[in-house]
PDB file of N, CA and C in Angstrom:
ATOM      1  N   MET A   1     -26.298  17.559 -10.025  1.00  0.00           N
ATOM      2  CA  MET A   1     -26.154  18.158  -8.718  1.00  0.00           C
ATOM      3  C   MET A   1     -25.382  17.233  -7.773  1.00  0.00           C
ATOM      4  N   TRP A   2     -25.800  15.964  -7.678  1.00  0.00           N
ATOM      5  CA  TRP A   2     -25.117  15.046  -6.782  1.00  0.00           C
ATOM      6  C   TRP A   2     -23.679  14.801  -7.217  1.00  0.00           C
ATOM      7  N   LYS A   3     -23.466  14.785  -8.530  1.00  0.00           N
ATOM      8  CA  LYS A   3     -22.103  14.587  -9.027  1.00  0.00           C
ATOM      9  C   LYS A   3     -21.190  15.717  -8.570  1.00  0.00           C
ATOM     10  N   ASP A   4     -21.711  16.934  -8.592  1.00  0.00           N
ATOM     11  CA  ASP A   4     -20.918  18.084  -8.145  1.00  0.00           C
ATOM     12  C   ASP A   4     -20.609  17.998  -6.659  1.00  0.00           C
ATOM     13  N   ILE A   5     -21.599  17.591  -5.875  1.00  0.00           N
ATOM     14  CA  ILE A   5     -21.400  17.473  -4.427  1.00  0.00           C
ATOM     15  C   ILE A   5     -20.361  16.397  -4.123  1.00  0.00           C
ATOM     16  N   VAL A   6     -20.512  15.230  -4.759  1.00  0.00           N
ATOM     17  CA  VAL A   6     -19.565  14.138  -4.534  1.00  0.00           C
ATOM     18  C   VAL A   6     -18.166  14.545  -4.981  1.00  0.00           C
ATOM     19  N   ARG A   7     -18.055  15.199  -6.118  1.00  0.00           N
ATOM     20  CA  ARG A   7     -16.754  15.648  -6.621  1.00  0.00           C
ATOM     21  C   ARG A   7     -16.117  16.633  -5.641  1.00  0.00           C
ATOM     22  N   ASP A   8     -16.902  17.573  -5.108  1.00  0.00           N
ATOM     23  CA  ASP A   8     -16.367  18.546  -4.154  1.00  0.00           C
ATOM     24  C   ASP A   8     -15.916  17.875  -2.865  1.00  0.00           C
ATOM     25  N   VAL A   9     -16.717  16.923  -2.363  1.00  0.00           N
ATOM     26  CA  VAL A   9     -16.355  16.224  -1.131  1.00  0.00           C
ATOM     27  C   VAL A   9     -15.076  15.420  -1.344  1.00  0.00           C
ATOM     28  N   LEU A  10     -14.987  14.709  -2.466  1.00  0.00           N
ATOM     29  CA  LEU A  10     -13.776  13.936  -2.748  1.00  0.00           C
ATOM     30  C   LEU A  10     -12.560  14.836  -2.899  1.00  0.00           C
ATOM     31  N   LYS A  11     -12.753  15.985  -3.500  1.00  0.00           N
ATOM     32  CA  LYS A  11     -11.638  16.911  -3.701  1.00  0.00           C
ATOM     33  C   LYS A  11     -11.145  17.479  -2.371  1.00  0.00           C
ATOM     34  N   GLU A  12     -12.066  17.828  -1.493  1.00  0.00           N
ATOM     35  CA  GLU A  12     -11.711  18.464  -0.221  1.00  0.00           C
ATOM     36  C   GLU A  12     -11.250  17.468   0.844  1.00  0.00           C
ATOM     37  N   HIS A  13     -11.764  16.242   0.801  1.00  0.00           N
ATOM     38  CA  HIS A  13     -11.518  15.285   1.887  1.00  0.00           C
ATOM     39  C   HIS A  13     -10.972  13.961   1.372  1.00  0.00           C
ATOM     40  N   LYS A  14     -10.164  14.000   0.339  1.00  0.00           N
ATOM     41  CA  LYS A  14      -9.639  12.791  -0.293  1.00  0.00           C
ATOM     42  C   LYS A  14      -8.849  11.935   0.702  1.00  0.00           C
ATOM     43  N   GLY A  15      -7.956  12.543   1.446  1.00  0.00           N
ATOM     44  CA  GLY A  15      -7.137  11.801   2.403  1.00  0.00           C
ATOM     45  C   GLY A  15      -7.957  11.157   3.501  1.00  0.00           C
ATOM     46  N   LYS A  16      -8.954  11.865   3.999  1.00  0.00           N
ATOM     47  CA  LYS A  16      -9.809  11.316   5.051  1.00  0.00           C
ATOM     48  C   LYS A  16     -10.603  10.123   4.547  1.00  0.00           C
ATOM     49  N   ILE A  17     -11.101  10.221   3.326  1.00  0.00           N
ATOM     50  CA  ILE A  17     -11.893   9.134   2.757  1.00  0.00           C
ATOM     51  C   ILE A  17     -11.015   7.907   2.518  1.00  0.00           C
ATOM     52  N   ILE A  18      -9.832   8.112   1.973  1.00  0.00           N
ATOM     53  CA  ILE A  18      -8.915   6.993   1.743  1.00  0.00           C
ATOM     54  C   ILE A  18      -8.503   6.364   3.069  1.00  0.00           C
ATOM     55  N   GLY A  19      -8.202   7.184   4.061  1.00  0.00           N
ATOM     56  CA  GLY A  19      -7.823   6.675   5.375  1.00  0.00           C
ATOM     57  C   GLY A  19      -8.931   5.878   6.036  1.00  0.00           C
ATOM     58  N   ALA A  20     -10.156   6.367   5.944  1.00  0.00           N
ATOM     59  CA  ALA A  20     -11.289   5.647   6.522  1.00  0.00           C
ATOM     60  C   ALA A  20     -11.504   4.316   5.807  1.00  0.00           C
ATOM     61  N   PHE A  21     -11.379   4.316   4.485  1.00  0.00           N
ATOM     62  CA  PHE A  21     -11.549   3.082   3.720  1.00  0.00           C
ATOM     63  C   PHE A  21     -10.464   2.068   4.074  1.00  0.00           C
ATOM     64  N   LEU A  22      -9.211   2.527   4.176  1.00  0.00           N
ATOM     65  CA  LEU A  22      -8.124   1.621   4.556  1.00  0.00           C
ATOM     66  C   LEU A  22      -8.326   1.079   5.970  1.00  0.00           C
ATOM     67  N   GLY A  23      -8.800   1.919   6.874  1.00  0.00           N
ATOM     68  CA  GLY A  23      -9.096   1.462   8.228  1.00  0.00           C
ATOM     69  C   GLY A  23     -10.168   0.389   8.242  1.00  0.00           C
ATOM     70  N   LEU A  24     -11.188   0.567   7.421  1.00  0.00           N
ATOM     71  CA  LEU A  24     -12.251  -0.434   7.315  1.00  0.00           C
ATOM     72  C   LEU A  24     -11.705  -1.745   6.767  1.00  0.00           C
ATOM     73  N   VAL A  25     -10.915  -1.671   5.707  1.00  0.00           N
ATOM     74  CA  VAL A  25     -10.354  -2.883   5.098  1.00  0.00           C
ATOM     75  C   VAL A  25      -9.451  -3.615   6.087  1.00  0.00           C
ATOM     76  N   ILE A  26      -8.595  -2.884   6.784  1.00  0.00           N
ATOM     77  CA  ILE A  26      -7.681  -3.513   7.744  1.00  0.00           C
ATOM     78  C   ILE A  26      -8.454  -4.143   8.896  1.00  0.00           C
ATOM     79  N   SER A  27      -9.465  -3.455   9.393  1.00  0.00           N
ATOM     80  CA  SER A  27     -10.244  -4.026  10.498  1.00  0.00           C
ATOM     81  C   SER A  27     -10.980  -5.292  10.059  1.00  0.00           C
ATOM     82  N   LEU A  28     -11.512  -5.316   8.844  1.00  0.00           N
ATOM     83  CA  LEU A  28     -12.178  -6.523   8.349  1.00  0.00           C
ATOM     84  C   LEU A  28     -11.183  -7.663   8.157  1.00  0.00           C
ATOM     85  N   MET A  29      -9.982  -7.334   7.690  1.00  0.00           N
ATOM     86  CA  MET A  29      -8.957  -8.371   7.543  1.00  0.00           C
ATOM     87  C   MET A  29      -8.601  -8.976   8.891  1.00  0.00           C
ATOM     88  N   ILE A  30      -8.463  -8.142   9.911  1.00  0.00           N
ATOM     89  CA  ILE A  30      -8.130  -8.649  11.242  1.00  0.00           C
ATOM     90  C   ILE A  30      -9.263  -9.505  11.783  1.00  0.00           C
ATOM     91  N   LEU A  31     -10.503  -9.086  11.571  1.00  0.00           N
ATOM     92  CA  LEU A  31     -11.640  -9.864  12.057  1.00  0.00           C
ATOM     93  C   LEU A  31     -11.741 -11.226  11.381  1.00  0.00           C
ATOM     94  N   PHE A  32     -11.559 -11.266  10.071  1.00  0.00           N
ATOM     95  CA  PHE A  32     -11.773 -12.504   9.333  1.00  0.00           C
ATOM     96  C   PHE A  32     -10.524 -13.376   9.202  1.00  0.00           C
ATOM     97  N   LEU A  33      -9.344 -12.783   9.202  1.00  0.00           N
ATOM     98  CA  LEU A  33      -8.115 -13.546   8.994  1.00  0.00           C
ATOM     99  C   LEU A  33      -7.280 -13.701  10.259  1.00  0.00           C
ATOM    100  N   GLY A  34      -7.441 -12.824  11.209  1.00  0.00           N
ATOM    101  CA  GLY A  34      -6.598 -12.818  12.390  1.00  0.00           C
ATOM    102  C   GLY A  34      -5.515 -11.758  12.249  1.00  0.00           C
ATOM    103  N   PHE A  35      -4.943 -11.377  13.376  1.00  0.00           N
ATOM    104  CA  PHE A  35      -3.998 -10.265  13.404  1.00  0.00           C
ATOM    105  C   PHE A  35      -2.745 -10.539  12.579  1.00  0.00           C
ATOM    106  N   PHE A  36      -2.088 -11.677  12.817  1.00  0.00           N
ATOM    107  CA  PHE A  36      -0.796 -11.923  12.172  1.00  0.00           C
ATOM    108  C   PHE A  36      -0.935 -12.161  10.674  1.00  0.00           C
ATOM    109  N   ARG A  37      -1.984 -12.827  10.248  1.00  0.00           N
ATOM    110  CA  ARG A  37      -2.204 -13.001   8.811  1.00  0.00           C
ATOM    111  C   ARG A  37      -2.476 -11.652   8.147  1.00  0.00           C
ATOM    112  N   ALA A  38      -3.249 -10.811   8.820  1.00  0.00           N
ATOM    113  CA  ALA A  38      -3.540  -9.484   8.270  1.00  0.00           C
ATOM    114  C   ALA A  38      -2.264  -8.650   8.176  1.00  0.00           C
ATOM    115  N   VAL A  39      -1.430  -8.704   9.204  1.00  0.00           N
ATOM    116  CA  VAL A  39      -0.167  -7.954   9.184  1.00  0.00           C
ATOM    117  C   VAL A  39       0.731  -8.467   8.062  1.00  0.00           C
ATOM    118  N   PHE A  40       0.778  -9.793   7.866  1.00  0.00           N
ATOM    119  CA  PHE A  40       1.590 -10.362   6.792  1.00  0.00           C
ATOM    120  C   PHE A  40       1.112  -9.863   5.429  1.00  0.00           C
ATOM    121  N   ILE A  41      -0.184  -9.867   5.196  1.00  0.00           N
ATOM    122  CA  ILE A  41      -0.732  -9.401   3.918  1.00  0.00           C
ATOM    123  C   ILE A  41      -0.431  -7.921   3.718  1.00  0.00           C
ATOM    124  N   ILE A  42      -0.605  -7.127   4.756  1.00  0.00           N
ATOM    125  CA  ILE A  42      -0.336  -5.689   4.660  1.00  0.00           C
ATOM    126  C   ILE A  42       1.141  -5.440   4.353  1.00  0.00           C
ATOM    127  N   MET A  43       2.036  -6.185   4.996  1.00  0.00           N
ATOM    128  CA  MET A  43       3.470  -6.023   4.732  1.00  0.00           C
ATOM    129  C   MET A  43       3.806  -6.400   3.286  1.00  0.00           C
ATOM    130  N   CYS A  44       3.210  -7.479   2.782  1.00  0.00           N
ATOM    131  CA  CYS A  44       3.457  -7.875   1.384  1.00  0.00           C
ATOM    132  C   CYS A  44       2.964  -6.805   0.419  1.00  0.00           C
ATOM    133  N   VAL A  45       1.806  -6.230   0.705  1.00  0.00           N
ATOM    134  CA  VAL A  45       1.271  -5.169  -0.156  1.00  0.00           C
ATOM    135  C   VAL A  45       2.192  -3.954  -0.125  1.00  0.00           C
ATOM    136  N   LEU A  46       2.667  -3.573   1.049  1.00  0.00           N
ATOM    137  CA  LEU A  46       3.555  -2.414   1.155  1.00  0.00           C
ATOM    138  C   LEU A  46       4.888  -2.646   0.448  1.00  0.00           C
ATOM    139  N   ILE A  47       5.430  -3.848   0.557  1.00  0.00           N
ATOM    140  CA  ILE A  47       6.677  -4.162  -0.148  1.00  0.00           C
ATOM    141  C   ILE A  47       6.449  -4.109  -1.652  1.00  0.00           C
ATOM    142  N   GLY A  48       5.332  -4.666  -2.109  1.00  0.00           N
ATOM    143  CA  GLY A  48       5.005  -4.612  -3.532  1.00  0.00           C
ATOM    144  C   GLY A  48       4.825  -3.194  -4.022  1.00  0.00           C
ATOM    145  N   TYR A  49       4.178  -2.365  -3.215  1.00  0.00           N
ATOM    146  CA  TYR A  49       4.000  -0.957  -3.574  1.00  0.00           C
ATOM    147  C   TYR A  49       5.350  -0.252  -3.664  1.00  0.00           C
ATOM    148  N   PHE A  50       6.221  -0.512  -2.703  1.00  0.00           N
ATOM    149  CA  PHE A  50       7.541   0.119  -2.671  1.00  0.00           C
ATOM    150  C   PHE A  50       8.352  -0.260  -3.910  1.00  0.00           C
ATOM    151  N   ILE A  51       8.355  -1.542  -4.254  1.00  0.00           N
ATOM    152  CA  ILE A  51       9.093  -1.993  -5.438  1.00  0.00           C
ATOM    153  C   ILE A  51       8.461  -1.425  -6.703  1.00  0.00           C
ATOM    154  N   GLY A  52       7.139  -1.446  -6.790  1.00  0.00           N
ATOM    155  CA  GLY A  52       6.460  -0.888  -7.957  1.00  0.00           C
ATOM    156  C   GLY A  52       6.716   0.597  -8.121  1.00  0.00           C
ATOM    157  N   ASN A  53       6.779   1.313  -7.011  1.00  0.00           N
ATOM    158  CA  ASN A  53       7.079   2.740  -7.050  1.00  0.00           C
ATOM    159  C   ASN A  53       8.477   2.971  -7.610  1.00  0.00           C
ATOM    160  N   ARG A  54       9.431   2.143  -7.216  1.00  0.00           N
ATOM    161  CA  ARG A  54      10.797   2.255  -7.731  1.00  0.00           C
ATOM    162  C   ARG A  54      10.829   1.970  -9.233  1.00  0.00           C
ATOM    163  N   ILE A  55      10.060   0.980  -9.670  1.00  0.00           N
ATOM    164  CA  ILE A  55      10.007   0.659 -11.101  1.00  0.00           C
ATOM    165  C   ILE A  55       9.419   1.829 -11.879  1.00  0.00           C
ATOM    166  N   ASP A  56       8.353   2.429 -11.347  1.00  0.00           N
ATOM    167  CA  ASP A  56       7.733   3.573 -12.014  1.00  0.00           C
ATOM    168  C   ASP A  56       8.691   4.746 -12.146  1.00  0.00           C
ATOM    169  N   LYS A  57       9.569   4.907 -11.169  1.00  0.00           N
ATOM    170  CA  LYS A  57      10.539   6.005 -11.200  1.00  0.00           C
ATOM    171  C   LYS A  57      11.782   5.645 -12.009  1.00  0.00           C
ATOM    172  N   LYS A  58      11.755   4.478 -12.647  1.00  0.00           N
ATOM    173  CA  LYS A  58      12.858   4.008 -13.499  1.00  0.00           C
ATOM    174  C   LYS A  58      14.156   3.816 -12.714  1.00  0.00           C
ATOM    175  N   GLU A  59      14.032   3.456 -11.445  1.00  0.00           N
ATOM    176  CA  GLU A  59      15.217   3.187 -10.636  1.00  0.00           C
ATOM    177  C   GLU A  59      15.618   1.726 -10.808  1.00  0.00           C
ATOM    178  N   ASP A  60      16.878   1.432 -10.563  1.00  0.00           N
ATOM    179  CA  ASP A  60      17.398   0.087 -10.757  1.00  0.00           C
ATOM    180  C   ASP A  60      16.994  -0.806  -9.584  1.00  0.00           C
ATOM    181  N   ILE A  61      16.208  -1.821  -9.867  1.00  0.00           N
ATOM    182  CA  ILE A  61      15.738  -2.737  -8.831  1.00  0.00           C
ATOM    183  C   ILE A  61      16.890  -3.612  -8.329  1.00  0.00           C
ATOM    184  N   LYS A  62      17.817  -3.945  -9.197  1.00  0.00           N
ATOM    185  CA  LYS A  62      18.950  -4.781  -8.803  1.00  0.00           C
ATOM    186  C   LYS A  62      19.756  -4.110  -7.693  1.00  0.00           C
ATOM    187  N   GLU A  63      19.989  -2.814  -7.809  1.00  0.00           N
ATOM    188  CA  GLU A  63      20.719  -2.089  -6.761  1.00  0.00           C
ATOM    189  C   GLU A  63      19.945  -2.103  -5.451  1.00  0.00           C
ATOM    190  N   LEU A  64      18.639  -1.937  -5.530  1.00  0.00           N
ATOM    191  CA  LEU A  64      17.801  -1.950  -4.331  1.00  0.00           C
ATOM    192  C   LEU A  64      17.864  -3.312  -3.649  1.00  0.00           C
ATOM    193  N   LEU A  65      17.755  -4.385  -4.422  1.00  0.00           N
ATOM    194  CA  LEU A  65      17.804  -5.728  -3.846  1.00  0.00           C
ATOM    195  C   LEU A  65      19.173  -6.035  -3.266  1.00  0.00           C
ATOM    196  N   GLU A  66      20.233  -5.572  -3.917  1.00  0.00           N
ATOM    197  CA  GLU A  66      21.581  -5.795  -3.393  1.00  0.00           C
ATOM    198  C   GLU A  66      21.802  -5.062  -2.075  1.00  0.00           C
ATOM    199  N   LYS A  67      21.104  -3.957  -1.892  1.00  0.00           N
ATOM    200  CA  LYS A  67      21.235  -3.200  -0.646  1.00  0.00           C
ATOM    201  C   LYS A  67      20.627  -3.976   0.529  1.00  0.00           C
ATOM    202  N   PHE A  68      19.517  -4.679   0.293  1.00  0.00           N
ATOM    203  CA  PHE A  68      18.799  -5.345   1.378  1.00  0.00           C
ATOM    204  C   PHE A  68      19.104  -6.835   1.504  1.00  0.00           C
ATOM    205  N   LEU A  69      19.509  -7.475   0.418  1.00  0.00           N
ATOM    206  CA  LEU A  69      19.789  -8.907   0.457  1.00  0.00           C
ATOM    207  C   LEU A  69      21.292  -9.135   0.439  1.00  0.00           C
ATOM    208  N   PRO A  70      21.762 -10.160   1.132  1.00  0.00           N
ATOM    209  CA  PRO A  70      23.207 -10.424   1.131  1.00  0.00           C
ATOM    210  C   PRO A  70      23.651 -10.907  -0.246  1.00  0.00           C
ATOM    211  N   PRO A  71      24.898 -10.608  -0.592  1.00  0.00           N
ATOM    212  CA  PRO A  71      25.395 -11.058  -1.902  1.00  0.00           C
ATOM    213  C   PRO A  71      25.518 -12.577  -1.942  1.00  0.00           C
ATOM    214  N   GLY A  72      25.238 -13.148  -3.095  1.00  0.00           N
ATOM    215  CA  GLY A  72      25.357 -14.593  -3.268  1.00  0.00           C
ATOM    216  C   GLY A  72      26.797 -14.990  -3.517  1.00  0.00           C
ATOM    217  N   SER A  73      27.103 -16.232  -3.222  1.00  0.00           N
ATOM    218  CA  SER A  73      28.468 -16.713  -3.472  1.00  0.00           C
ATOM    219  C   SER A  73      28.561 -17.176  -4.918  1.00  0.00           C
ATOM    220  N   ASP A  74      29.568 -16.677  -5.621  1.00  0.00           N
ATOM    221  CA  ASP A  74      29.757 -17.033  -7.033  1.00  0.00           C
ATOM    222  C   ASP A  74      30.783 -18.113  -7.183  1.00  0.00           C
TER     223      ASP A  74
END
């Protein structure tokens, strides 16, 4: 019975639950680490997610890096 209730709640309110959990994690990071350290960690996680998402989609990472980083001198 409880499994069905939990499954239904997760199915209907997945985004709200994830958002609330992320809000809790971010607020705890700010409390324990400070604002700028928390922002730095969040930015690193988002960059890692973005790159990982590109890898999962089989996109060329070299092209992505060349778009954002200046070309090196050869």
